[in-house]
């Protein structure tokens, strides 16, 4: 049976001559020891965190009299 992997991000090296990024390469971890459960929790946590940040931003704009 083939191992299962979960993509956790991307990485890219820089070209030493120009300093520009080279093509991005996906990063994976092996789906074991609770990795899939942690992935689901992270998705939930990040959504909640971003919602809180957006609310704080909008509340700050409203308090400053700036229309968003």
Protein backbone atom coordinates (compact mmCIF):
# COMPACT_ATOMS: atom_id res chain seq x y z
CA UNK A 1 0.00 0.00 0.00
CA UNK A 2 1.30 3.46 -0.91
CA UNK A 3 1.95 6.01 1.81
CA UNK A 4 -0.36 9.01 2.04
CA UNK A 5 1.03 12.55 2.24
CA UNK A 6 -0.52 15.92 3.14
CA UNK A 7 0.63 19.14 1.49
CA UNK A 8 1.58 21.69 4.16
CA UNK A 9 2.95 24.54 2.08
CA UNK A 10 5.39 25.63 -0.58
CA UNK A 11 9.04 26.57 -0.67
CA UNK A 12 11.17 28.27 -3.28
CA UNK A 13 14.88 28.87 -3.55
CA UNK A 14 16.36 32.11 -4.81
CA UNK A 15 18.54 32.36 -7.88
CA UNK A 16 22.01 33.26 -6.58
CA UNK A 17 22.75 35.40 -9.63
CA UNK A 18 19.57 37.51 -9.72
CA UNK A 19 17.97 37.03 -6.30
CA UNK A 20 14.67 36.16 -7.96
CA UNK A 21 12.64 33.21 -6.76
CA UNK A 22 12.97 29.93 -8.61
CA UNK A 23 9.83 27.84 -9.25
CA UNK A 24 7.96 26.91 -6.07
CA UNK A 25 7.96 23.32 -4.85
CA UNK A 26 5.20 21.88 -2.64
CA UNK A 27 6.07 20.63 0.88
CA UNK A 28 4.50 17.43 2.18
CA UNK A 29 4.38 15.52 5.45
CA UNK A 30 3.54 11.86 5.85
CA UNK A 31 -0.08 11.39 6.98
CA UNK A 32 0.59 9.55 10.23
CA UNK A 33 0.42 10.06 13.98
CA UNK A 34 -2.61 12.35 13.88
CA UNK A 35 -1.48 14.53 10.97
CA UNK A 36 -4.92 14.46 9.31
CA UNK A 37 -6.68 15.43 12.55
CA UNK A 38 -4.17 18.23 13.10
CA UNK A 39 -4.78 19.45 9.54
CA UNK A 40 -8.54 19.69 10.17
CA UNK A 41 -7.96 21.53 13.46
CA UNK A 42 -5.54 23.96 11.80
CA UNK A 43 -8.07 24.76 9.07
CA UNK A 44 -10.69 25.50 11.72
CA UNK A 45 -8.26 27.53 13.86
CA UNK A 46 -6.93 29.64 10.97
CA UNK A 47 -10.45 30.45 9.80
CA UNK A 48 -11.38 31.64 13.28
CA UNK A 49 -8.17 33.66 13.64
CA UNK A 50 -8.64 35.39 10.28
CA UNK A 51 -12.29 36.19 11.08
CA UNK A 52 -11.20 37.80 14.37
CA UNK A 53 -8.51 39.86 12.61
CA UNK A 54 -10.93 41.07 9.93
CA UNK A 55 -13.49 42.03 12.58
CA UNK A 56 -10.85 43.96 14.55
CA UNK A 57 -9.78 45.75 11.35
CA UNK A 58 -13.35 46.70 10.46
CA UNK A 59 -14.08 47.84 14.03
CA UNK A 60 -10.91 49.97 13.97
CA UNK A 61 -11.87 51.52 10.65
CA UNK A 62 -15.35 52.29 11.95
CA UNK A 63 -13.92 53.89 15.10
CA UNK A 64 -11.58 56.01 12.96
CA UNK A 65 -14.45 57.07 10.71
CA UNK A 66 -13.04 55.29 7.66
CA UNK A 67 -15.53 53.52 5.41
CA UNK A 68 -14.53 49.97 4.47
